[in-house]
Structures are given as C-alpha cells and as structure tokens.
Amino acid sequence: MSTEEATKEFGSMTTVEQKDLVQKIGAVLKENGLEDTDVQVVTQDVCNLSTNTVEKSTSLVVTKEMPAAKSDLAKSVTEAIAKLTEGVKGC
C-alpha cells in the first residue's frame, strides 16, 4: 500500500472510488447473509465559531445489531470489512 493510499480520506475519494468500496462491503455483507445491514454515507458540516470556518466531513458508517450468539459472524465480517477499509480514514 502506498503512502497516498494509507492517508486517503473517504470524503476525498472520487464518487467512483466510494461506490466501489461500498459495493465491496455490500458483497461481504451479502456473502454472510447480512443484506439488511445499515450502510450510510454521512456528511457533516462543523462550524467553528471562533475561527469562522466550516469543515465538511464525509464518512462511511456500517451498523448492525446482532445477538451475542452471532458474535463469531460479527467478528468475521468486521475483520473482512476492516481489510477493505484499511488505510482509509472516515470508515
């Protein structure tokens, strides 16, 4: 992995790159029977009143509540997604 990839922000990725990553994550979820998992691209505007600046932050959020009996599946899926998002901030 290059230095550029290691410091990439999800919000600064092109739309095509973001879509590709979301599709890869979706494939992992589908392979594991978790198609109903909530996957969101979240954009926040943070206003710093002391410096009169507005910072825009875009991140990818994947959430799913699962019973403790499925902790092995949750761990496996989390690890697979972590590999896909390695080096991408905001995921």
PDB file of N, CA and C in Angstrom:
ATOM      1  N   MET A   1       0.845  -1.177   0.000  1.00  0.00           N
ATOM      2  CA  MET A   1       0.000   0.000   0.000  1.00  0.00           C
ATOM      3  C   MET A   1       0.884   1.231   0.000  1.00  0.00           C
ATOM      4  N   SER A   2       0.617   2.161  -0.879  1.00  0.00           N
ATOM      5  CA  SER A   2       1.428   3.366  -0.964  1.00  0.00           C
ATOM      6  C   SER A   2       1.056   4.341   0.142  1.00  0.00           C
ATOM      7  N   THR A   3       1.909   5.336   0.354  1.00  0.00           N
ATOM      8  CA  THR A   3       1.651   6.349   1.370  1.00  0.00           C
ATOM      9  C   THR A   3       0.370   7.108   1.053  1.00  0.00           C
ATOM     10  N   GLU A   4       0.139   7.388  -0.239  1.00  0.00           N
ATOM     11  CA  GLU A   4      -1.068   8.108  -0.635  1.00  0.00           C
ATOM     12  C   GLU A   4      -2.315   7.334  -0.236  1.00  0.00           C
ATOM     13  N   GLU A   5      -2.328   6.017  -0.466  1.00  0.00           N
ATOM     14  CA  GLU A   5      -3.469   5.199  -0.100  1.00  0.00           C
ATOM     15  C   GLU A   5      -3.618   5.118   1.411  1.00  0.00           C
ATOM     16  N   ALA A   6      -2.524   5.117   2.124  1.00  0.00           N
ATOM     17  CA  ALA A   6      -2.559   4.963   3.573  1.00  0.00           C
ATOM     18  C   ALA A   6      -3.181   6.172   4.252  1.00  0.00           C
ATOM     19  N   THR A   7      -3.187   7.319   3.611  1.00  0.00           N
ATOM     20  CA  THR A   7      -3.708   8.526   4.238  1.00  0.00           C
ATOM     21  C   THR A   7      -4.978   9.041   3.558  1.00  0.00           C
ATOM     22  N   LYS A   8      -5.603   8.222   2.755  1.00  0.00           N
ATOM     23  CA  LYS A   8      -6.775   8.650   2.000  1.00  0.00           C
ATOM     24  C   LYS A   8      -7.976   8.846   2.922  1.00  0.00           C
ATOM     25  N   GLU A   9      -8.674   9.953   2.730  1.00  0.00           N
ATOM     26  CA  GLU A   9      -9.912  10.240   3.446  1.00  0.00           C
ATOM     27  C   GLU A   9     -11.080   9.751   2.604  1.00  0.00           C
ATOM     28  N   PHE A  10     -12.064   9.124   3.229  1.00  0.00           N
ATOM     29  CA  PHE A  10     -13.222   8.654   2.478  1.00  0.00           C
ATOM     30  C   PHE A  10     -13.883   9.810   1.738  1.00  0.00           C
ATOM     31  N   GLY A  11     -13.995  10.957   2.391  1.00  0.00           N
ATOM     32  CA  GLY A  11     -14.646  12.115   1.783  1.00  0.00           C
ATOM     33  C   GLY A  11     -13.899  12.692   0.602  1.00  0.00           C
ATOM     34  N   SER A  12     -12.599  12.427   0.491  1.00  0.00           N
ATOM     35  CA  SER A  12     -11.830  12.966  -0.634  1.00  0.00           C
ATOM     36  C   SER A  12     -11.705  11.962  -1.783  1.00  0.00           C
ATOM     37  N   MET A  13     -12.238  10.765  -1.579  1.00  0.00           N
ATOM     38  CA  MET A  13     -12.227   9.764  -2.649  1.00  0.00           C
ATOM     39  C   MET A  13     -13.213  10.194  -3.733  1.00  0.00           C
ATOM     40  N   THR A  14     -12.952   9.787  -4.969  1.00  0.00           N
ATOM     41  CA  THR A  14     -13.891  10.100  -6.040  1.00  0.00           C
ATOM     42  C   THR A  14     -15.185   9.324  -5.805  1.00  0.00           C
ATOM     43  N   THR A  15     -16.235   9.759  -6.457  1.00  0.00           N
ATOM     44  CA  THR A  15     -17.518   9.071  -6.347  1.00  0.00           C
ATOM     45  C   THR A  15     -17.386   7.620  -6.789  1.00  0.00           C
ATOM     46  N   VAL A  16     -16.606   7.388  -7.826  1.00  0.00           N
ATOM     47  CA  VAL A  16     -16.388   6.018  -8.326  1.00  0.00           C
ATOM     48  C   VAL A  16     -15.673   5.176  -7.271  1.00  0.00           C
ATOM     49  N   GLU A  17     -14.653   5.738  -6.625  1.00  0.00           N
ATOM     50  CA  GLU A  17     -13.920   5.009  -5.582  1.00  0.00           C
ATOM     51  C   GLU A  17     -14.834   4.701  -4.393  1.00  0.00           C
ATOM     52  N   GLN A  18     -15.646   5.687  -3.998  1.00  0.00           N
ATOM     53  CA  GLN A  18     -16.574   5.471  -2.888  1.00  0.00           C
ATOM     54  C   GLN A  18     -17.574   4.375  -3.235  1.00  0.00           C
ATOM     55  N   LYS A  19     -18.128   4.441  -4.433  1.00  0.00           N
ATOM     56  CA  LYS A  19     -19.103   3.445  -4.876  1.00  0.00           C
ATOM     57  C   LYS A  19     -18.481   2.048  -4.900  1.00  0.00           C
ATOM     58  N   ASP A  20     -17.256   1.955  -5.393  1.00  0.00           N
ATOM     59  CA  ASP A  20     -16.555   0.674  -5.453  1.00  0.00           C
ATOM     60  C   ASP A  20     -16.373   0.090  -4.054  1.00  0.00           C
ATOM     61  N   LEU A  21     -15.967   0.916  -3.108  1.00  0.00           N
ATOM     62  CA  LEU A  21     -15.769   0.457  -1.731  1.00  0.00           C
ATOM     63  C   LEU A  21     -17.090   0.005  -1.124  1.00  0.00           C
ATOM     64  N   VAL A  22     -18.152   0.773  -1.322  1.00  0.00           N
ATOM     65  CA  VAL A  22     -19.465   0.412  -0.783  1.00  0.00           C
ATOM     66  C   VAL A  22     -19.939  -0.901  -1.394  1.00  0.00           C
ATOM     67  N   GLN A  23     -19.708  -1.096  -2.685  1.00  0.00           N
ATOM     68  CA  GLN A  23     -20.109  -2.348  -3.332  1.00  0.00           C
ATOM     69  C   GLN A  23     -19.324  -3.539  -2.785  1.00  0.00           C
ATOM     70  N   LYS A  24     -18.043  -3.355  -2.523  1.00  0.00           N
ATOM     71  CA  LYS A  24     -17.237  -4.430  -1.950  1.00  0.00           C
ATOM     72  C   LYS A  24     -17.730  -4.793  -0.548  1.00  0.00           C
ATOM     73  N   ILE A  25     -18.062  -3.773   0.232  1.00  0.00           N
ATOM     74  CA  ILE A  25     -18.594  -4.019   1.578  1.00  0.00           C
ATOM     75  C   ILE A  25     -19.949  -4.725   1.474  1.00  0.00           C
ATOM     76  N   GLY A  26     -20.777  -4.283   0.529  1.00  0.00           N
ATOM     77  CA  GLY A  26     -22.069  -4.925   0.311  1.00  0.00           C
ATOM     78  C   GLY A  26     -21.923  -6.394  -0.050  1.00  0.00           C
ATOM     79  N   ALA A  27     -20.914  -6.717  -0.839  1.00  0.00           N
ATOM     80  CA  ALA A  27     -20.670  -8.112  -1.223  1.00  0.00           C
ATOM     81  C   ALA A  27     -20.309  -8.954  -0.001  1.00  0.00           C
ATOM     82  N   VAL A  28     -19.485  -8.406   0.888  1.00  0.00           N
ATOM     83  CA  VAL A  28     -19.118  -9.119   2.120  1.00  0.00           C
ATOM     84  C   VAL A  28     -20.365  -9.360   2.964  1.00  0.00           C
ATOM     85  N   LEU A  29     -21.206  -8.332   3.085  1.00  0.00           N
ATOM     86  CA  LEU A  29     -22.426  -8.467   3.878  1.00  0.00           C
ATOM     87  C   LEU A  29     -23.356  -9.521   3.269  1.00  0.00           C
ATOM     88  N   LYS A  30     -23.510  -9.481   1.946  1.00  0.00           N
ATOM     89  CA  LYS A  30     -24.391 -10.429   1.267  1.00  0.00           C
ATOM     90  C   LYS A  30     -23.882 -11.866   1.409  1.00  0.00           C
ATOM     91  N   GLU A  31     -22.572 -12.053   1.270  1.00  0.00           N
ATOM     92  CA  GLU A  31     -21.977 -13.389   1.413  1.00  0.00           C
ATOM     93  C   GLU A  31     -22.246 -13.996   2.782  1.00  0.00           C
ATOM     94  N   ASN A  32     -22.457 -13.123   3.761  1.00  0.00           N
ATOM     95  CA  ASN A  32     -22.665 -13.577   5.130  1.00  0.00           C
ATOM     96  C   ASN A  32     -24.121 -13.476   5.583  1.00  0.00           C
ATOM     97  N   GLY A  33     -25.032 -13.259   4.627  1.00  0.00           N
ATOM     98  CA  GLY A  33     -26.453 -13.207   4.952  1.00  0.00           C
ATOM     99  C   GLY A  33     -26.877 -11.978   5.718  1.00  0.00           C
ATOM    100  N   LEU A  34     -26.131 -10.892   5.558  1.00  0.00           N
ATOM    101  CA  LEU A  34     -26.420  -9.664   6.313  1.00  0.00           C
ATOM    102  C   LEU A  34     -26.845  -8.518   5.384  1.00  0.00           C
ATOM    103  N   GLU A  35     -27.669  -8.837   4.381  1.00  0.00           N
ATOM    104  CA  GLU A  35     -28.091  -7.839   3.402  1.00  0.00           C
ATOM    105  C   GLU A  35     -28.857  -6.675   4.019  1.00  0.00           C
ATOM    106  N   ASP A  36     -29.471  -6.891   5.189  1.00  0.00           N
ATOM    107  CA  ASP A  36     -30.281  -5.848   5.818  1.00  0.00           C
ATOM    108  C   ASP A  36     -29.462  -4.915   6.721  1.00  0.00           C
ATOM    109  N   THR A  37     -28.147  -4.998   6.629  1.00  0.00           N
ATOM    110  CA  THR A  37     -27.264  -4.144   7.420  1.00  0.00           C
ATOM    111  C   THR A  37     -27.356  -2.705   6.940  1.00  0.00           C
ATOM    112  N   ASP A  38     -27.334  -1.770   7.872  1.00  0.00           N
ATOM    113  CA  ASP A  38     -27.437  -0.348   7.563  1.00  0.00           C
ATOM    114  C   ASP A  38     -26.066   0.182   7.112  1.00  0.00           C
ATOM    115  N   VAL A  39     -25.988   0.618   5.855  1.00  0.00           N
ATOM    116  CA  VAL A  39     -24.762   1.203   5.305  1.00  0.00           C
ATOM    117  C   VAL A  39     -25.112   2.625   4.874  1.00  0.00           C
ATOM    118  N   GLN A  40     -24.410   3.606   5.448  1.00  0.00           N
ATOM    119  CA  GLN A  40     -24.714   5.010   5.167  1.00  0.00           C
ATOM    120  C   GLN A  40     -23.460   5.802   4.850  1.00  0.00           C
ATOM    121  N   VAL A  41     -23.602   6.739   3.930  1.00  0.00           N
ATOM    122  CA  VAL A  41     -22.581   7.749   3.709  1.00  0.00           C
ATOM    123  C   VAL A  41     -23.105   8.988   4.434  1.00  0.00           C
ATOM    124  N   VAL A  42     -22.371   9.423   5.449  1.00  0.00           N
ATOM    125  CA  VAL A  42     -22.811  10.512   6.315  1.00  0.00           C
ATOM    126  C   VAL A  42     -21.947  11.741   6.070  1.00  0.00           C
ATOM    127  N   THR A  43     -22.596  12.870   5.821  1.00  0.00           N
ATOM    128  CA  THR A  43     -21.884  14.133   5.632  1.00  0.00           C
ATOM    129  C   THR A  43     -22.272  15.077   6.756  1.00  0.00           C
ATOM    130  N   GLN A  44     -21.258  15.659   7.383  1.00  0.00           N
ATOM    131  CA  GLN A  44     -21.486  16.598   8.476  1.00  0.00           C
ATOM    132  C   GLN A  44     -20.773  17.906   8.166  1.00  0.00           C
ATOM    133  N   ASP A  45     -21.421  19.013   8.474  1.00  0.00           N
ATOM    134  CA  ASP A  45     -20.793  20.328   8.398  1.00  0.00           C
ATOM    135  C   ASP A  45     -20.562  20.806   9.822  1.00  0.00           C
ATOM    136  N   VAL A  46     -19.301  21.059  10.159  1.00  0.00           N
ATOM    137  CA  VAL A  46     -18.949  21.508  11.506  1.00  0.00           C
ATOM    138  C   VAL A  46     -18.520  22.963  11.428  1.00  0.00           C
ATOM    139  N   CYS A  47     -19.242  23.806  12.144  1.00  0.00           N
ATOM    140  CA  CYS A  47     -18.938  25.246  12.138  1.00  0.00           C
ATOM    141  C   CYS A  47     -18.127  25.590  13.380  1.00  0.00           C
ATOM    142  N   ASN A  48     -16.923  26.125  13.170  1.00  0.00           N
ATOM    143  CA  ASN A  48     -16.080  26.576  14.260  1.00  0.00           C
ATOM    144  C   ASN A  48     -16.292  28.081  14.385  1.00  0.00           C
ATOM    145  N   LEU A  49     -17.032  28.491  15.390  1.00  0.00           N
ATOM    146  CA  LEU A  49     -17.390  29.899  15.533  1.00  0.00           C
ATOM    147  C   LEU A  49     -16.208  30.783  15.907  1.00  0.00           C
ATOM    148  N   SER A  50     -15.221  30.221  16.584  1.00  0.00           N
ATOM    149  CA  SER A  50     -14.080  31.042  16.988  1.00  0.00           C
ATOM    150  C   SER A  50     -13.167  31.384  15.814  1.00  0.00           C
ATOM    151  N   THR A  51     -13.174  30.569  14.765  1.00  0.00           N
ATOM    152  CA  THR A  51     -12.309  30.840  13.610  1.00  0.00           C
ATOM    153  C   THR A  51     -13.095  31.139  12.339  1.00  0.00           C
ATOM    154  N   ASN A  52     -14.420  31.190  12.453  1.00  0.00           N
ATOM    155  CA  ASN A  52     -15.278  31.456  11.291  1.00  0.00           C
ATOM    156  C   ASN A  52     -15.013  30.496  10.138  1.00  0.00           C
ATOM    157  N   THR A  53     -14.853  29.228  10.460  1.00  0.00           N
ATOM    158  CA  THR A  53     -14.619  28.234   9.411  1.00  0.00           C
ATOM    159  C   THR A  53     -15.699  27.159   9.467  1.00  0.00           C
ATOM    160  N   VAL A  54     -15.906  26.533   8.327  1.00  0.00           N
ATOM    161  CA  VAL A  54     -16.831  25.410   8.235  1.00  0.00           C
ATOM    162  C   VAL A  54     -16.059  24.241   7.639  1.00  0.00           C
ATOM    163  N   GLU A  55     -16.061  23.140   8.336  1.00  0.00           N
ATOM    164  CA  GLU A  55     -15.380  21.951   7.858  1.00  0.00           C
ATOM    165  C   GLU A  55     -16.424  20.904   7.481  1.00  0.00           C
ATOM    166  N   LYS A  56     -16.257  20.327   6.312  1.00  0.00           N
ATOM    167  CA  LYS A  56     -17.169  19.292   5.854  1.00  0.00           C
ATOM    168  C   LYS A  56     -16.494  17.935   6.049  1.00  0.00           C
ATOM    169  N   SER A  57     -17.227  17.016   6.612  1.00  0.00           N
ATOM    170  CA  SER A  57     -16.701  15.690   6.884  1.00  0.00           C
ATOM    171  C   SER A  57     -17.662  14.656   6.291  1.00  0.00           C
ATOM    172  N   THR A  58     -17.118  13.744   5.490  1.00  0.00           N
ATOM    173  CA  THR A  58     -17.925  12.672   4.907  1.00  0.00           C
ATOM    174  C   THR A  58     -17.335  11.343   5.350  1.00  0.00           C
ATOM    175  N   SER A  59     -18.191  10.467   5.851  1.00  0.00           N
ATOM    176  CA  SER A  59     -17.711   9.176   6.320  1.00  0.00           C
ATOM    177  C   SER A  59     -18.674   8.066   5.923  1.00  0.00           C
ATOM    178  N   LEU A  60     -18.165   6.855   5.973  1.00  0.00           N
ATOM    179  CA  LEU A  60     -18.940   5.668   5.668  1.00  0.00           C
ATOM    180  C   LEU A  60     -19.205   4.943   6.977  1.00  0.00           C
ATOM    181  N   VAL A  61     -20.485   4.667   7.256  1.00  0.00           N
ATOM    182  CA  VAL A  61     -20.867   4.039   8.515  1.00  0.00           C
ATOM    183  C   VAL A  61     -21.644   2.753   8.216  1.00  0.00           C
ATOM    184  N   VAL A  62     -21.186   1.652   8.806  1.00  0.00           N
ATOM    185  CA  VAL A  62     -21.844   0.354   8.653  1.00  0.00           C
ATOM    186  C   VAL A  62     -22.251  -0.113  10.045  1.00  0.00           C
ATOM    187  N   THR A  63     -23.567  -0.315  10.257  1.00  0.00           N
ATOM    188  CA  THR A  63     -24.029  -0.721  11.586  1.00  0.00           C
ATOM    189  C   THR A  63     -25.029  -1.869  11.489  1.00  0.00           C
ATOM    190  N   LYS A  64     -24.949  -2.749  12.465  1.00  0.00           N
ATOM    191  CA  LYS A  64     -25.875  -3.879  12.541  1.00  0.00           C
ATOM    192  C   LYS A  64     -25.866  -4.385  13.973  1.00  0.00           C
ATOM    193  N   GLU A  65     -27.042  -4.467  14.595  1.00  0.00           N
ATOM    194  CA  GLU A  65     -27.146  -5.068  15.921  1.00  0.00           C
ATOM    195  C   GLU A  65     -27.382  -6.555  15.747  1.00  0.00           C
ATOM    196  N   MET A  66     -26.597  -7.340  16.478  1.00  0.00           N
ATOM    197  CA  MET A  66     -26.698  -8.792  16.375  1.00  0.00           C
ATOM    198  C   MET A  66     -26.699  -9.392  17.770  1.00  0.00           C
ATOM    199  N   PRO A  67     -27.366 -10.527  17.925  1.00  0.00           N
ATOM    200  CA  PRO A  67     -27.349 -11.194  19.235  1.00  0.00           C
ATOM    201  C   PRO A  67     -25.954 -11.743  19.540  1.00  0.00           C
ATOM    202  N   ALA A  68     -25.686 -11.924  20.803  1.00  0.00           N
ATOM    203  CA  ALA A  68     -24.383 -12.428  21.238  1.00  0.00           C
ATOM    204  C   ALA A  68     -24.069 -13.794  20.626  1.00  0.00           C
ATOM    205  N   ALA A  69     -25.091 -14.561  20.313  1.00  0.00           N
ATOM    206  CA  ALA A  69     -24.876 -15.888  19.732  1.00  0.00           C
ATOM    207  C   ALA A  69     -24.225 -15.810  18.354  1.00  0.00           C
ATOM    208  N   LYS A  70     -24.284 -14.651  17.718  1.00  0.00           N
ATOM    209  CA  LYS A  70     -23.687 -14.480  16.395  1.00  0.00           C
ATOM    210  C   LYS A  70     -22.390 -13.662  16.462  1.00  0.00           C
ATOM    211  N   SER A  71     -21.739 -13.663  17.607  1.00  0.00           N
ATOM    212  CA  SER A  71     -20.529 -12.852  17.767  1.00  0.00           C
ATOM    213  C   SER A  71     -19.397 -13.302  16.840  1.00  0.00           C
ATOM    214  N   ASP A  72     -19.305 -14.594  16.563  1.00  0.00           N
ATOM    215  CA  ASP A  72     -18.261 -15.079  15.651  1.00  0.00           C
ATOM    216  C   ASP A  72     -18.486 -14.535  14.245  1.00  0.00           C
ATOM    217  N   LEU A  73     -19.746 -14.519  13.786  1.00  0.00           N
ATOM    218  CA  LEU A  73     -20.073 -13.968  12.479  1.00  0.00           C
ATOM    219  C   LEU A  73     -19.768 -12.475  12.449  1.00  0.00           C
ATOM    220  N   ALA A  74     -20.157 -11.772  13.506  1.00  0.00           N
ATOM    221  CA  ALA A  74     -19.908 -10.330  13.570  1.00  0.00           C
ATOM    222  C   ALA A  74     -18.414 -10.040  13.506  1.00  0.00           C
ATOM    223  N   LYS A  75     -17.628 -10.807  14.234  1.00  0.00           N
ATOM    224  CA  LYS A  75     -16.176 -10.609  14.239  1.00  0.00           C
ATOM    225  C   LYS A  75     -15.594 -10.884  12.862  1.00  0.00           C
ATOM    226  N   SER A  76     -16.029 -11.945  12.221  1.00  0.00           N
ATOM    227  CA  SER A  76     -15.539 -12.304  10.890  1.00  0.00           C
ATOM    228  C   SER A  76     -15.858 -11.222   9.864  1.00  0.00           C
ATOM    229  N   VAL A  77     -17.079 -10.721   9.882  1.00  0.00           N
ATOM    230  CA  VAL A  77     -17.490  -9.683   8.940  1.00  0.00           C
ATOM    231  C   VAL A  77     -16.745  -8.374   9.231  1.00  0.00           C
ATOM    232  N   THR A  78     -16.603  -8.036  10.495  1.00  0.00           N
ATOM    233  CA  THR A  78     -15.879  -6.822  10.874  1.00  0.00           C
ATOM    234  C   THR A  78     -14.439  -6.880  10.382  1.00  0.00           C
ATOM    235  N   GLU A  79     -13.801  -8.031  10.524  1.00  0.00           N
ATOM    236  CA  GLU A  79     -12.415  -8.188  10.067  1.00  0.00           C
ATOM    237  C   GLU A  79     -12.317  -8.073   8.547  1.00  0.00           C
ATOM    238  N   ALA A  80     -13.284  -8.650   7.837  1.00  0.00           N
ATOM    239  CA  ALA A  80     -13.280  -8.577   6.371  1.00  0.00           C
ATOM    240  C   ALA A  80     -13.470  -7.140   5.893  1.00  0.00           C
ATOM    241  N   ILE A  81     -14.359  -6.420   6.553  1.00  0.00           N
ATOM    242  CA  ILE A  81     -14.592  -5.018   6.181  1.00  0.00           C
ATOM    243  C   ILE A  81     -13.377  -4.172   6.550  1.00  0.00           C
ATOM    244  N   ALA A  82     -12.739  -4.468   7.673  1.00  0.00           N
ATOM    245  CA  ALA A  82     -11.544  -3.727   8.085  1.00  0.00           C
ATOM    246  C   ALA A  82     -10.438  -3.846   7.044  1.00  0.00           C
ATOM    247  N   LYS A  83     -10.313  -5.024   6.435  1.00  0.00           N
ATOM    248  CA  LYS A  83      -9.305  -5.209   5.398  1.00  0.00           C
ATOM    249  C   LYS A  83      -9.614  -4.341   4.176  1.00  0.00           C
ATOM    250  N   LEU A  84     -10.912  -4.222   3.846  1.00  0.00           N
ATOM    251  CA  LEU A  84     -11.309  -3.409   2.699  1.00  0.00           C
ATOM    252  C   LEU A  84     -11.086  -1.914   2.935  1.00  0.00           C
ATOM    253  N   THR A  85     -11.226  -1.500   4.193  1.00  0.00           N
ATOM    254  CA  THR A  85     -11.128  -0.077   4.520  1.00  0.00           C
ATOM    255  C   THR A  85      -9.767   0.302   5.104  1.00  0.00           C
ATOM    256  N   GLU A  86      -8.846  -0.629   5.112  1.00  0.00           N
ATOM    257  CA  GLU A  86      -7.514  -0.356   5.656  1.00  0.00           C
ATOM    258  C   GLU A  86      -6.887   0.840   4.935  1.00  0.00           C
ATOM    259  N   GLY A  87      -6.414   1.796   5.719  1.00  0.00           N
ATOM    260  CA  GLY A  87      -5.762   2.968   5.155  1.00  0.00           C
ATOM    261  C   GLY A  87      -6.709   4.058   4.693  1.00  0.00           C
ATOM    262  N   VAL A  88      -8.011   3.868   4.934  1.00  0.00           N
ATOM    263  CA  VAL A  88      -8.997   4.891   4.553  1.00  0.00           C
ATOM    264  C   VAL A  88      -9.574   5.473   5.829  1.00  0.00           C
ATOM    265  N   LYS A  89      -9.363   6.762   6.029  1.00  0.00           N
ATOM    266  CA  LYS A  89      -9.921   7.425   7.197  1.00  0.00           C
ATOM    267  C   LYS A  89     -11.388   7.752   6.934  1.00  0.00           C
ATOM    268  N   GLY A  90     -12.204   7.685   7.975  1.00  0.00           N
ATOM    269  CA  GLY A  90     -13.612   8.007   7.828  1.00  0.00           C
ATOM    270  C   GLY A  90     -14.472   6.807   7.512  1.00  0.00           C
ATOM    271  N   CYS A  91     -13.949   5.617   7.835  1.00  0.00           N
ATOM    272  CA  CYS A  91     -14.730   4.390   7.610  1.00  0.00           C
ATOM    273  C   CYS A  91     -14.809   3.615   8.908  1.00  0.00           C
TER     274      CYS A  91
END
